[in-house]
PDB file of N, CA and C in Angstrom:
ATOM      1  N   MET A   1       4.357  12.598 -13.862  1.00  0.00           N
ATOM      2  CA  MET A   1       5.000  12.486 -12.551  1.00  0.00           C
ATOM      3  C   MET A   1       3.970  12.720 -11.449  1.00  0.00           C
ATOM      4  N   ASN A   2       4.020  11.910 -10.423  1.00  0.00           N
ATOM      5  CA  ASN A   2       3.050  11.994  -9.341  1.00  0.00           C
ATOM      6  C   ASN A   2       3.472  13.094  -8.359  1.00  0.00           C
ATOM      7  N   THR A   3       2.610  14.086  -8.196  1.00  0.00           N
ATOM      8  CA  THR A   3       2.936  15.199  -7.308  1.00  0.00           C
ATOM      9  C   THR A   3       2.328  15.021  -5.914  1.00  0.00           C
ATOM     10  N   LYS A   4       1.594  13.932  -5.706  1.00  0.00           N
ATOM     11  CA  LYS A   4       1.033  13.676  -4.379  1.00  0.00           C
ATOM     12  C   LYS A   4       2.178  13.384  -3.412  1.00  0.00           C
ATOM     13  N   PRO A   5       1.977  13.723  -2.141  1.00  0.00           N
ATOM     14  CA  PRO A   5       3.012  13.379  -1.153  1.00  0.00           C
ATOM     15  C   PRO A   5       3.037  11.862  -0.937  1.00  0.00           C
ATOM     16  N   HIS A   6       4.178  11.377  -0.493  1.00  0.00           N
ATOM     17  CA  HIS A   6       4.265   9.951  -0.165  1.00  0.00           C
ATOM     18  C   HIS A   6       3.285   9.619   0.960  1.00  0.00           C
ATOM     19  N   LEU A   7       3.188  10.547   1.899  1.00  0.00           N
ATOM     20  CA  LEU A   7       2.331  10.341   3.057  1.00  0.00           C
ATOM     21  C   LEU A   7       1.664  11.668   3.408  1.00  0.00           C
ATOM     22  N   ASP A   8       0.356  11.667   3.462  1.00  0.00           N
ATOM     23  CA  ASP A   8      -0.413  12.871   3.765  1.00  0.00           C
ATOM     24  C   ASP A   8      -0.301  13.143   5.266  1.00  0.00           C
ATOM     25  N   GLU A   9       0.484  14.154   5.596  1.00  0.00           N
ATOM     26  CA  GLU A   9       0.737  14.471   7.008  1.00  0.00           C
ATOM     27  C   GLU A   9      -0.546  14.865   7.740  1.00  0.00           C
ATOM     28  N   GLU A  10      -1.458  15.557   7.037  1.00  0.00           N
ATOM     29  CA  GLU A  10      -2.725  15.947   7.667  1.00  0.00           C
ATOM     30  C   GLU A  10      -3.561  14.716   8.008  1.00  0.00           C
ATOM     31  N   ALA A  11      -3.639  13.774   7.061  1.00  0.00           N
ATOM     32  CA  ALA A  11      -4.407  12.554   7.309  1.00  0.00           C
ATOM     33  C   ALA A  11      -3.798  11.777   8.468  1.00  0.00           C
ATOM     34  N   LEU A  12      -2.477  11.736   8.513  1.00  0.00           N
ATOM     35  CA  LEU A  12      -1.793  11.023   9.586  1.00  0.00           C
ATOM     36  C   LEU A  12      -2.040  11.711  10.939  1.00  0.00           C
ATOM     37  N   ALA A  13      -1.997  13.042  10.944  1.00  0.00           N
ATOM     38  CA  ALA A  13      -2.249  13.789  12.179  1.00  0.00           C
ATOM     39  C   ALA A  13      -3.689  13.564  12.660  1.00  0.00           C
ATOM     40  N   GLU A  14      -4.624  13.517  11.704  1.00  0.00           N
ATOM     41  CA  GLU A  14      -6.017  13.250  12.053  1.00  0.00           C
ATOM     42  C   GLU A  14      -6.159  11.859  12.671  1.00  0.00           C
ATOM     43  N   LEU A  15      -5.510  10.884  12.049  1.00  0.00           N
ATOM     44  CA  LEU A  15      -5.552   9.522  12.595  1.00  0.00           C
ATOM     45  C   LEU A  15      -4.945   9.479  13.992  1.00  0.00           C
ATOM     46  N   ARG A  16      -3.844  10.208  14.184  1.00  0.00           N
ATOM     47  CA  ARG A  16      -3.198  10.234  15.501  1.00  0.00           C
ATOM     48  C   ARG A  16      -4.167  10.807  16.541  1.00  0.00           C
ATOM     49  N   ASP A  17      -4.894  11.878  16.175  1.00  0.00           N
ATOM     50  CA  ASP A  17      -5.864  12.490  17.094  1.00  0.00           C
ATOM     51  C   ASP A  17      -6.999  11.528  17.413  1.00  0.00           C
ATOM     52  N   VAL A  18      -7.516  10.864  16.399  1.00  0.00           N
ATOM     53  CA  VAL A  18      -8.658   9.968  16.579  1.00  0.00           C
ATOM     54  C   VAL A  18      -8.258   8.705  17.338  1.00  0.00           C
ATOM     55  N   MET A  19      -7.117   8.141  16.953  1.00  0.00           N
ATOM     56  CA  MET A  19      -6.699   6.851  17.511  1.00  0.00           C
ATOM     57  C   MET A  19      -6.004   6.973  18.867  1.00  0.00           C
ATOM     58  N   GLU A  20      -5.441   8.131  19.151  1.00  0.00           N
ATOM     59  CA  GLU A  20      -4.728   8.391  20.401  1.00  0.00           C
ATOM     60  C   GLU A  20      -3.715   7.285  20.700  1.00  0.00           C
ATOM     61  N   ASP A  21      -3.917   6.557  21.795  1.00  0.00           N
ATOM     62  CA  ASP A  21      -2.947   5.539  22.224  1.00  0.00           C
ATOM     63  C   ASP A  21      -2.859   4.357  21.260  1.00  0.00           C
ATOM     64  N   GLU A  22      -3.869   4.188  20.426  1.00  0.00           N
ATOM     65  CA  GLU A  22      -3.892   3.069  19.478  1.00  0.00           C
ATOM     66  C   GLU A  22      -3.178   3.397  18.167  1.00  0.00           C
ATOM     67  N   PHE A  23      -2.724   4.644  18.011  1.00  0.00           N
ATOM     68  CA  PHE A  23      -2.104   5.074  16.752  1.00  0.00           C
ATOM     69  C   PHE A  23      -0.903   4.207  16.384  1.00  0.00           C
ATOM     70  N   ASP A  24      -0.014   3.974  17.352  1.00  0.00           N
ATOM     71  CA  ASP A  24       1.177   3.172  17.071  1.00  0.00           C
ATOM     72  C   ASP A  24       0.797   1.764  16.608  1.00  0.00           C
ATOM     73  N   ILE A  25      -0.225   1.199  17.232  1.00  0.00           N
ATOM     74  CA  ILE A  25      -0.682  -0.147  16.861  1.00  0.00           C
ATOM     75  C   ILE A  25      -1.241  -0.120  15.444  1.00  0.00           C
ATOM     76  N   LEU A  26      -2.008   0.925  15.123  1.00  0.00           N
ATOM     77  CA  LEU A  26      -2.576   1.065  13.785  1.00  0.00           C
ATOM     78  C   LEU A  26      -1.464   1.094  12.729  1.00  0.00           C
ATOM     79  N   ILE A  27      -0.434   1.889  12.967  1.00  0.00           N
ATOM     80  CA  ILE A  27       0.663   2.021  12.005  1.00  0.00           C
ATOM     81  C   ILE A  27       1.409   0.692  11.871  1.00  0.00           C
ATOM     82  N   GLN A  28       1.714   0.061  12.987  1.00  0.00           N
ATOM     83  CA  GLN A  28       2.420  -1.229  12.932  1.00  0.00           C
ATOM     84  C   GLN A  28       1.580  -2.284  12.215  1.00  0.00           C
ATOM     85  N   THR A  29       0.272  -2.280  12.470  1.00  0.00           N
ATOM     86  CA  THR A  29      -0.627  -3.232  11.807  1.00  0.00           C
ATOM     87  C   THR A  29      -0.640  -2.973  10.301  1.00  0.00           C
ATOM     88  N   TYR A  30      -0.731  -1.702   9.916  1.00  0.00           N
ATOM     89  CA  TYR A  30      -0.711  -1.365   8.484  1.00  0.00           C
ATOM     90  C   TYR A  30       0.589  -1.855   7.836  1.00  0.00           C
ATOM     91  N   ILE A  31       1.719  -1.599   8.478  1.00  0.00           N
ATOM     92  CA  ILE A  31       3.018  -2.002   7.919  1.00  0.00           C
ATOM     93  C   ILE A  31       3.082  -3.523   7.782  1.00  0.00           C
ATOM     94  N   ASN A  32       2.696  -4.239   8.828  1.00  0.00           N
ATOM     95  CA  ASN A  32       2.734  -5.707   8.784  1.00  0.00           C
ATOM     96  C   ASN A  32       1.766  -6.272   7.742  1.00  0.00           C
ATOM     97  N   ASP A  33       0.545  -5.726   7.710  1.00  0.00           N
ATOM     98  CA  ASP A  33      -0.436  -6.187   6.721  1.00  0.00           C
ATOM     99  C   ASP A  33       0.050  -5.905   5.302  1.00  0.00           C
ATOM    100  N   SER A  34       0.675  -4.760   5.116  1.00  0.00           N
ATOM    101  CA  SER A  34       1.167  -4.388   3.788  1.00  0.00           C
ATOM    102  C   SER A  34       2.268  -5.330   3.327  1.00  0.00           C
ATOM    103  N   ARG A  35       3.163  -5.683   4.249  1.00  0.00           N
ATOM    104  CA  ARG A  35       4.206  -6.663   3.899  1.00  0.00           C
ATOM    105  C   ARG A  35       3.578  -7.979   3.448  1.00  0.00           C
ATOM    106  N   GLU A  36       2.559  -8.423   4.191  1.00  0.00           N
ATOM    107  CA  GLU A  36       1.870  -9.667   3.838  1.00  0.00           C
ATOM    108  C   GLU A  36       1.169  -9.535   2.491  1.00  0.00           C
ATOM    109  N   ARG A  37       0.581  -8.382   2.238  1.00  0.00           N
ATOM    110  CA  ARG A  37      -0.113  -8.181   0.960  1.00  0.00           C
ATOM    111  C   ARG A  37       0.879  -8.213  -0.204  1.00  0.00           C
ATOM    112  N   ILE A  38       2.044  -7.618  -0.015  1.00  0.00           N
ATOM    113  CA  ILE A  38       3.062  -7.649  -1.076  1.00  0.00           C
ATOM    114  C   ILE A  38       3.483  -9.099  -1.339  1.00  0.00           C
ATOM    115  N   GLN A  39       3.659  -9.875  -0.282  1.00  0.00           N
ATOM    116  CA  GLN A  39       3.985 -11.298  -0.463  1.00  0.00           C
ATOM    117  C   GLN A  39       2.860 -12.010  -1.204  1.00  0.00           C
ATOM    118  N   SER A  40       1.620 -11.699  -0.852  1.00  0.00           N
ATOM    119  CA  SER A  40       0.471 -12.317  -1.519  1.00  0.00           C
ATOM    120  C   SER A  40       0.407 -11.929  -2.991  1.00  0.00           C
ATOM    121  N   LEU A  41       0.751 -10.679  -3.291  1.00  0.00           N
ATOM    122  CA  LEU A  41       0.783 -10.245  -4.696  1.00  0.00           C
ATOM    123  C   LEU A  41       1.811 -11.058  -5.474  1.00  0.00           C
ATOM    124  N   HIS A  42       2.993 -11.226  -4.887  1.00  0.00           N
ATOM    125  CA  HIS A  42       4.032 -12.021  -5.556  1.00  0.00           C
ATOM    126  C   HIS A  42       3.583 -13.471  -5.739  1.00  0.00           C
ATOM    127  N   GLN A  43       2.932 -14.016  -4.722  1.00  0.00           N
ATOM    128  CA  GLN A  43       2.458 -15.392  -4.816  1.00  0.00           C
ATOM    129  C   GLN A  43       1.418 -15.522  -5.924  1.00  0.00           C
ATOM    130  N   ALA A  44       0.484 -14.569  -5.999  1.00  0.00           N
ATOM    131  CA  ALA A  44      -0.542 -14.616  -7.050  1.00  0.00           C
ATOM    132  C   ALA A  44       0.100 -14.506  -8.432  1.00  0.00           C
ATOM    133  N   LEU A  45       1.154 -13.691  -8.538  1.00  0.00           N
ATOM    134  CA  LEU A  45       1.863 -13.594  -9.821  1.00  0.00           C
ATOM    135  C   LEU A  45       2.524 -14.912 -10.172  1.00  0.00           C
ATOM    136  N   SER A  46       3.180 -15.520  -9.193  1.00  0.00           N
ATOM    137  CA  SER A  46       3.887 -16.772  -9.479  1.00  0.00           C
ATOM    138  C   SER A  46       2.908 -17.896  -9.820  1.00  0.00           C
ATOM    139  N   GLU A  47       1.685 -17.788  -9.298  1.00  0.00           N
ATOM    140  CA  GLU A  47       0.665 -18.799  -9.594  1.00  0.00           C
ATOM    141  C   GLU A  47      -0.217 -18.409 -10.781  1.00  0.00           C
ATOM    142  N   ASN A  48       0.112 -17.262 -11.410  1.00  0.00           N
ATOM    143  CA  ASN A  48      -0.691 -16.744 -12.529  1.00  0.00           C
ATOM    144  C   ASN A  48      -2.180 -16.690 -12.178  1.00  0.00           C
ATOM    145  N   ASP A  49      -2.471 -16.085 -11.022  1.00  0.00           N
ATOM    146  CA  ASP A  49      -3.839 -15.991 -10.510  1.00  0.00           C
ATOM    147  C   ASP A  49      -4.282 -14.521 -10.498  1.00  0.00           C
ATOM    148  N   PRO A  50      -4.820 -14.030 -11.633  1.00  0.00           N
ATOM    149  CA  PRO A  50      -5.189 -12.614 -11.690  1.00  0.00           C
ATOM    150  C   PRO A  50      -6.298 -12.239 -10.705  1.00  0.00           C
ATOM    151  N   ASP A  51      -7.199 -13.173 -10.383  1.00  0.00           N
ATOM    152  CA  ASP A  51      -8.280 -12.851  -9.443  1.00  0.00           C
ATOM    153  C   ASP A  51      -7.735 -12.589  -8.041  1.00  0.00           C
ATOM    154  N   ALA A  52      -6.899 -13.497  -7.544  1.00  0.00           N
ATOM    155  CA  ALA A  52      -6.292 -13.298  -6.222  1.00  0.00           C
ATOM    156  C   ALA A  52      -5.430 -12.034  -6.226  1.00  0.00           C
ATOM    157  N   PHE A  53      -4.739 -11.813  -7.328  1.00  0.00           N
ATOM    158  CA  PHE A  53      -3.879 -10.635  -7.438  1.00  0.00           C
ATOM    159  C   PHE A  53      -4.709  -9.358  -7.333  1.00  0.00           C
ATOM    160  N   SER A  54      -5.778  -9.260  -8.105  1.00  0.00           N
ATOM    161  CA  SER A  54      -6.568  -8.021  -8.099  1.00  0.00           C
ATOM    162  C   SER A  54      -7.284  -7.829  -6.766  1.00  0.00           C
ATOM    163  N   ARG A  55      -7.742  -8.913  -6.123  1.00  0.00           N
ATOM    164  CA  ARG A  55      -8.378  -8.782  -4.796  1.00  0.00           C
ATOM    165  C   ARG A  55      -7.392  -8.249  -3.760  1.00  0.00           C
ATOM    166  N   THR A  56      -6.177  -8.804  -3.772  1.00  0.00           N
ATOM    167  CA  THR A  56      -5.163  -8.344  -2.816  1.00  0.00           C
ATOM    168  C   THR A  56      -4.791  -6.896  -3.088  1.00  0.00           C
ATOM    169  N   ALA A  57      -4.605  -6.552  -4.364  1.00  0.00           N
ATOM    170  CA  ALA A  57      -4.266  -5.171  -4.728  1.00  0.00           C
ATOM    171  C   ALA A  57      -5.374  -4.214  -4.295  1.00  0.00           C
ATOM    172  N   HIS A  58      -6.624  -4.647  -4.432  1.00  0.00           N
ATOM    173  CA  HIS A  58      -7.754  -3.805  -4.046  1.00  0.00           C
ATOM    174  C   HIS A  58      -7.741  -3.516  -2.542  1.00  0.00           C
ATOM    175  N   SER A  59      -7.522  -4.537  -1.731  1.00  0.00           N
ATOM    176  CA  SER A  59      -7.517  -4.307  -0.279  1.00  0.00           C
ATOM    177  C   SER A  59      -6.300  -3.478   0.138  1.00  0.00           C
ATOM    178  N   PHE A  60      -5.162  -3.695  -0.529  1.00  0.00           N
ATOM    179  CA  PHE A  60      -3.948  -2.905  -0.257  1.00  0.00           C
ATOM    180  C   PHE A  60      -4.196  -1.450  -0.621  1.00  0.00           C
ATOM    181  N   LYS A  61      -4.885  -1.216  -1.737  1.00  0.00           N
ATOM    182  CA  LYS A  61      -5.215   0.146  -2.170  1.00  0.00           C
ATOM    183  C   LYS A  61      -6.050   0.849  -1.104  1.00  0.00           C
ATOM    184  N   GLY A  62      -7.104   0.169  -0.632  1.00  0.00           N
ATOM    185  CA  GLY A  62      -7.995   0.782   0.352  1.00  0.00           C
ATOM    186  C   GLY A  62      -7.285   1.141   1.642  1.00  0.00           C
ATOM    187  N   SER A  63      -6.482   0.224   2.161  1.00  0.00           N
ATOM    188  CA  SER A  63      -5.800   0.509   3.424  1.00  0.00           C
ATOM    189  C   SER A  63      -4.758   1.618   3.243  1.00  0.00           C
ATOM    190  N   SER A  64      -4.109   1.652   2.087  1.00  0.00           N
ATOM    191  CA  SER A  64      -3.098   2.691   1.841  1.00  0.00           C
ATOM    192  C   SER A  64      -3.742   4.071   1.758  1.00  0.00           C
ATOM    193  N   ILE A  65      -4.853   4.155   1.046  1.00  0.00           N
ATOM    194  CA  ILE A  65      -5.541   5.445   0.922  1.00  0.00           C
ATOM    195  C   ILE A  65      -6.076   5.887   2.287  1.00  0.00           C
ATOM    196  N   ASN A  66      -6.635   4.953   3.057  1.00  0.00           N
ATOM    197  CA  ASN A  66      -7.182   5.295   4.373  1.00  0.00           C
ATOM    198  C   ASN A  66      -6.123   5.822   5.324  1.00  0.00           C
ATOM    199  N   ILE A  67      -4.896   5.357   5.156  1.00  0.00           N
ATOM    200  CA  ILE A  67      -3.843   5.762   6.087  1.00  0.00           C
ATOM    201  C   ILE A  67      -3.103   7.013   5.589  1.00  0.00           C
ATOM    202  N   GLY A  68      -3.426   7.466   4.375  1.00  0.00           N
ATOM    203  CA  GLY A  68      -2.823   8.694   3.858  1.00  0.00           C
ATOM    204  C   GLY A  68      -1.670   8.471   2.894  1.00  0.00           C
ATOM    205  N   ALA A  69      -1.523   7.237   2.412  1.00  0.00           N
ATOM    206  CA  ALA A  69      -0.440   6.916   1.458  1.00  0.00           C
ATOM    207  C   ALA A  69      -1.032   6.878   0.052  1.00  0.00           C
ATOM    208  N   SER A  70      -1.369   8.069  -0.481  1.00  0.00           N
ATOM    209  CA  SER A  70      -2.116   8.122  -1.739  1.00  0.00           C
ATOM    210  C   SER A  70      -1.287   7.709  -2.952  1.00  0.00           C
ATOM    211  N   ARG A  71       0.014   8.001  -2.970  1.00  0.00           N
ATOM    212  CA  ARG A  71       0.846   7.537  -4.095  1.00  0.00           C
ATOM    213  C   ARG A  71       0.844   6.012  -4.151  1.00  0.00           C
ATOM    214  N   LEU A  72       1.002   5.396  -2.993  1.00  0.00           N
ATOM    215  CA  LEU A  72       0.983   3.936  -2.915  1.00  0.00           C
ATOM    216  C   LEU A  72      -0.395   3.424  -3.342  1.00  0.00           C
ATOM    217  N   GLY A  73      -1.442   4.121  -2.926  1.00  0.00           N
ATOM    218  CA  GLY A  73      -2.797   3.759  -3.338  1.00  0.00           C
ATOM    219  C   GLY A  73      -2.957   3.803  -4.853  1.00  0.00           C
ATOM    220  N   ASP A  74      -2.365   4.813  -5.482  1.00  0.00           N
ATOM    221  CA  ASP A  74      -2.424   4.923  -6.950  1.00  0.00           C
ATOM    222  C   ASP A  74      -1.722   3.749  -7.622  1.00  0.00           C
ATOM    223  N   LEU A  75      -0.568   3.355  -7.084  1.00  0.00           N
ATOM    224  CA  LEU A  75       0.148   2.206  -7.647  1.00  0.00           C
ATOM    225  C   LEU A  75      -0.649   0.916  -7.451  1.00  0.00           C
ATOM    226  N   CYS A  76      -1.284   0.788  -6.296  1.00  0.00           N
ATOM    227  CA  CYS A  76      -2.138  -0.377  -6.048  1.00  0.00           C
ATOM    228  C   CYS A  76      -3.296  -0.412  -7.048  1.00  0.00           C
ATOM    229  N   LEU A  77      -3.845   0.760  -7.354  1.00  0.00           N
ATOM    230  CA  LEU A  77      -4.928   0.826  -8.336  1.00  0.00           C
ATOM    231  C   LEU A  77      -4.431   0.346  -9.703  1.00  0.00           C
ATOM    232  N   GLN A  78      -3.229   0.751 -10.089  1.00  0.00           N
ATOM    233  CA  GLN A  78      -2.667   0.309 -11.371  1.00  0.00           C
ATOM    234  C   GLN A  78      -2.546  -1.210 -11.428  1.00  0.00           C
ATOM    235  N   VAL A  79      -1.996  -1.806 -10.364  1.00  0.00           N
ATOM    236  CA  VAL A  79      -1.834  -3.264 -10.390  1.00  0.00           C
ATOM    237  C   VAL A  79      -3.177  -3.969 -10.250  1.00  0.00           C
ATOM    238  N   GLU A  80      -4.112  -3.363  -9.517  1.00  0.00           N
ATOM    239  CA  GLU A  80      -5.446  -3.951  -9.412  1.00  0.00           C
ATOM    240  C   GLU A  80      -6.106  -4.013 -10.787  1.00  0.00           C
ATOM    241  N   LYS A  81      -6.040  -2.908 -11.530  1.00  0.00           N
ATOM    242  CA  LYS A  81      -6.627  -2.875 -12.877  1.00  0.00           C
ATOM    243  C   LYS A  81      -5.960  -3.913 -13.782  1.00  0.00           C
ATOM    244  N   ALA A  82      -4.645  -4.000 -13.723  1.00  0.00           N
ATOM    245  CA  ALA A  82      -3.921  -4.976 -14.545  1.00  0.00           C
ATOM    246  C   ALA A  82      -4.381  -6.391 -14.195  1.00  0.00           C
ATOM    247  N   GLY A  83      -4.539  -6.664 -12.905  1.00  0.00           N
ATOM    248  CA  GLY A  83      -5.003  -7.979 -12.482  1.00  0.00           C
ATOM    249  C   GLY A  83      -6.414  -8.260 -12.959  1.00  0.00           C
ATOM    250  N   ARG A  84      -7.287  -7.253 -12.842  1.00  0.00           N
ATOM    251  CA  ARG A  84      -8.675  -7.422 -13.301  1.00  0.00           C
ATOM    252  C   ARG A  84      -8.730  -7.695 -14.797  1.00  0.00           C
ATOM    253  N   GLU A  85      -7.817  -7.072 -15.541  1.00  0.00           N
ATOM    254  CA  GLU A  85      -7.767  -7.262 -16.992  1.00  0.00           C
ATOM    255  C   GLU A  85      -6.993  -8.522 -17.374  1.00  0.00           C
ATOM    256  N   GLY A  86      -6.458  -9.217 -16.360  1.00  0.00           N
ATOM    257  CA  GLY A  86      -5.708 -10.435 -16.632  1.00  0.00           C
ATOM    258  C   GLY A  86      -4.329 -10.179 -17.221  1.00  0.00           C
ATOM    259  N   ASP A  87      -3.852  -8.936 -17.128  1.00  0.00           N
ATOM    260  CA  ASP A  87      -2.546  -8.565 -17.705  1.00  0.00           C
ATOM    261  C   ASP A  87      -1.475  -8.612 -16.612  1.00  0.00           C
ATOM    262  N   LEU A  88      -1.052  -9.814 -16.264  1.00  0.00           N
ATOM    263  CA  LEU A  88      -0.089  -9.958 -15.172  1.00  0.00           C
ATOM    264  C   LEU A  88       1.302  -9.470 -15.562  1.00  0.00           C
ATOM    265  N   ASP A  89       1.603  -9.403 -16.862  1.00  0.00           N
ATOM    266  CA  ASP A  89       2.889  -8.821 -17.281  1.00  0.00           C
ATOM    267  C   ASP A  89       2.933  -7.340 -16.916  1.00  0.00           C
ATOM    268  N   ALA A  90       1.836  -6.628 -17.168  1.00  0.00           N
ATOM    269  CA  ALA A  90       1.758  -5.214 -16.785  1.00  0.00           C
ATOM    270  C   ALA A  90       1.835  -5.078 -15.269  1.00  0.00           C
ATOM    271  N   ALA A  91       1.172  -5.977 -14.570  1.00  0.00           N
ATOM    272  CA  ALA A  91       1.194  -5.942 -13.105  1.00  0.00           C
ATOM    273  C   ALA A  91       2.622  -6.128 -12.588  1.00  0.00           C
ATOM    274  N   ARG A  92       3.344  -7.068 -13.176  1.00  0.00           N
ATOM    275  CA  ARG A  92       4.733  -7.321 -12.752  1.00  0.00           C
ATOM    276  C   ARG A  92       5.599  -6.071 -12.901  1.00  0.00           C
ATOM    277  N   GLN A  93       5.340  -5.296 -13.950  1.00  0.00           N
ATOM    278  CA  GLN A  93       6.141  -4.098 -14.197  1.00  0.00           C
ATOM    279  C   GLN A  93       5.917  -3.017 -13.148  1.00  0.00           C
ATOM    280  N   VAL A  94       4.776  -3.042 -12.482  1.00  0.00           N
ATOM    281  CA  VAL A  94       4.472  -2.022 -11.471  1.00  0.00           C
ATOM    282  C   VAL A  94       4.890  -2.478 -10.076  1.00  0.00           C
ATOM    283  N   MET A  95       5.206  -3.752  -9.917  1.00  0.00           N
ATOM    284  CA  MET A  95       5.545  -4.262  -8.580  1.00  0.00           C
ATOM    285  C   MET A  95       6.788  -3.589  -7.990  1.00  0.00           C
ATOM    286  N   ALA A  96       7.834  -3.388  -8.776  1.00  0.00           N
ATOM    287  CA  ALA A  96       9.053  -2.760  -8.229  1.00  0.00           C
ATOM    288  C   ALA A  96       8.781  -1.334  -7.758  1.00  0.00           C
ATOM    289  N   PRO A  97       8.123  -0.489  -8.585  1.00  0.00           N
ATOM    290  CA  PRO A  97       7.795   0.855  -8.075  1.00  0.00           C
ATOM    291  C   PRO A  97       6.873   0.812  -6.855  1.00  0.00           C
ATOM    292  N   LEU A  98       5.939  -0.139  -6.829  1.00  0.00           N
ATOM    293  CA  LEU A  98       5.031  -0.274  -5.688  1.00  0.00           C
ATOM    294  C   LEU A  98       5.825  -0.608  -4.422  1.00  0.00           C
ATOM    295  N   GLU A  99       6.758  -1.538  -4.538  1.00  0.00           N
ATOM    296  CA  GLU A  99       7.551  -1.922  -3.365  1.00  0.00           C
ATOM    297  C   GLU A  99       8.471  -0.793  -2.916  1.00  0.00           C
ATOM    298  N   THR A 100       8.999  -0.047  -3.871  1.00  0.00           N
ATOM    299  CA  THR A 100       9.844   1.100  -3.529  1.00  0.00           C
ATOM    300  C   THR A 100       9.028   2.161  -2.790  1.00  0.00           C
ATOM    301  N   GLU A 101       7.822   2.412  -3.279  1.00  0.00           N
ATOM    302  CA  GLU A 101       6.950   3.393  -2.630  1.00  0.00           C
ATOM    303  C   GLU A 101       6.558   2.912  -1.234  1.00  0.00           C
ATOM    304  N   PHE A 102       6.257   1.629  -1.087  1.00  0.00           N
ATOM    305  CA  PHE A 102       5.927   1.112   0.239  1.00  0.00           C
ATOM    306  C   PHE A 102       7.106   1.291   1.193  1.00  0.00           C
ATOM    307  N   ALA A 103       8.327   1.052   0.726  1.00  0.00           N
ATOM    308  CA  ALA A 103       9.506   1.227   1.584  1.00  0.00           C
ATOM    309  C   ALA A 103       9.612   2.678   2.045  1.00  0.00           C
ATOM    310  N   THR A 104       9.322   3.613   1.153  1.00  0.00           N
ATOM    311  CA  THR A 104       9.352   5.036   1.514  1.00  0.00           C
ATOM    312  C   THR A 104       8.269   5.350   2.542  1.00  0.00           C
ATOM    313  N   VAL A 105       7.062   4.875   2.286  1.00  0.00           N
ATOM    314  CA  VAL A 105       5.940   5.112   3.206  1.00  0.00           C
ATOM    315  C   VAL A 105       6.241   4.501   4.569  1.00  0.00           C
ATOM    316  N   ARG A 106       6.768   3.279   4.572  1.00  0.00           N
ATOM    317  CA  ARG A 106       7.091   2.616   5.840  1.00  0.00           C
ATOM    318  C   ARG A 106       8.106   3.427   6.636  1.00  0.00           C
ATOM    319  N   ARG A 107       9.139   3.923   5.956  1.00  0.00           N
ATOM    320  CA  ARG A 107      10.167   4.725   6.637  1.00  0.00           C
ATOM    321  C   ARG A 107       9.539   5.996   7.222  1.00  0.00           C
ATOM    322  N   LEU A 108       8.690   6.666   6.444  1.00  0.00           N
ATOM    323  CA  LEU A 108       8.052   7.887   6.940  1.00  0.00           C
ATOM    324  C   LEU A 108       7.132   7.593   8.123  1.00  0.00           C
ATOM    325  N   MET A 109       6.431   6.466   8.067  1.00  0.00           N
ATOM    326  CA  MET A 109       5.556   6.099   9.177  1.00  0.00           C
ATOM    327  C   MET A 109       6.354   5.758  10.418  1.00  0.00           C
ATOM    328  N   GLU A 110       7.444   5.047  10.235  1.00  0.00           N
ATOM    329  CA  GLU A 110       8.286   4.706  11.385  1.00  0.00           C
ATOM    330  C   GLU A 110       8.889   5.965  11.999  1.00  0.00           C
ATOM    331  N   ASP A 111       9.234   6.934  11.146  1.00  0.00           N
ATOM    332  CA  ASP A 111       9.726   8.229  11.657  1.00  0.00           C
ATOM    333  C   ASP A 111       8.623   8.934  12.445  1.00  0.00           C
ATOM    334  N   ALA A 112       7.385   8.837  11.948  1.00  0.00           N
ATOM    335  CA  ALA A 112       6.244   9.484  12.636  1.00  0.00           C
ATOM    336  C   ALA A 112       6.014   8.849  14.016  1.00  0.00           C
ATOM    337  N   LEU A 113       6.271   7.552  14.112  1.00  0.00           N
ATOM    338  CA  LEU A 113       6.104   6.880  15.402  1.00  0.00           C
ATOM    339  C   LEU A 113       7.142   7.365  16.411  1.00  0.00           C
ATOM    340  N   LEU A 114       8.313   7.720  15.918  1.00  0.00           N
ATOM    341  CA  LEU A 114       9.379   8.179  16.809  1.00  0.00           C
ATOM    342  C   LEU A 114       9.209   9.640  17.192  1.00  0.00           C
ATOM    343  N   ALA A 115       8.386  10.369  16.427  1.00  0.00           N
ATOM    344  CA  ALA A 115       8.237  11.813  16.669  1.00  0.00           C
ATOM    345  C   ALA A 115       7.468  12.088  17.948  1.00  0.00           C
TER     346      ALA A 115
END
């Protein structure tokens, strides 16, 4: 069981301090980019393209970890590895938990924007 928080509040607070007025834009950009990446992952699966899948998962992993969403980053790492190994069946099995985690992270980020 993953004991990491869905969203690292300290990392988010640090980003808010550094980004100041740009923080809201950063969060919205991350959310929008993440939605696009999830669509790209599904497209790569439907096209049986493990290279495109693993590249997209890799960039999604990096942005998630940078923003403090380490659980989501871990799931991205799992699907990235599956894509690199050409095991798209394994990747498909992680997509639902990945999307569920992204929905949780998105909700927490949207709450942070309202705070």
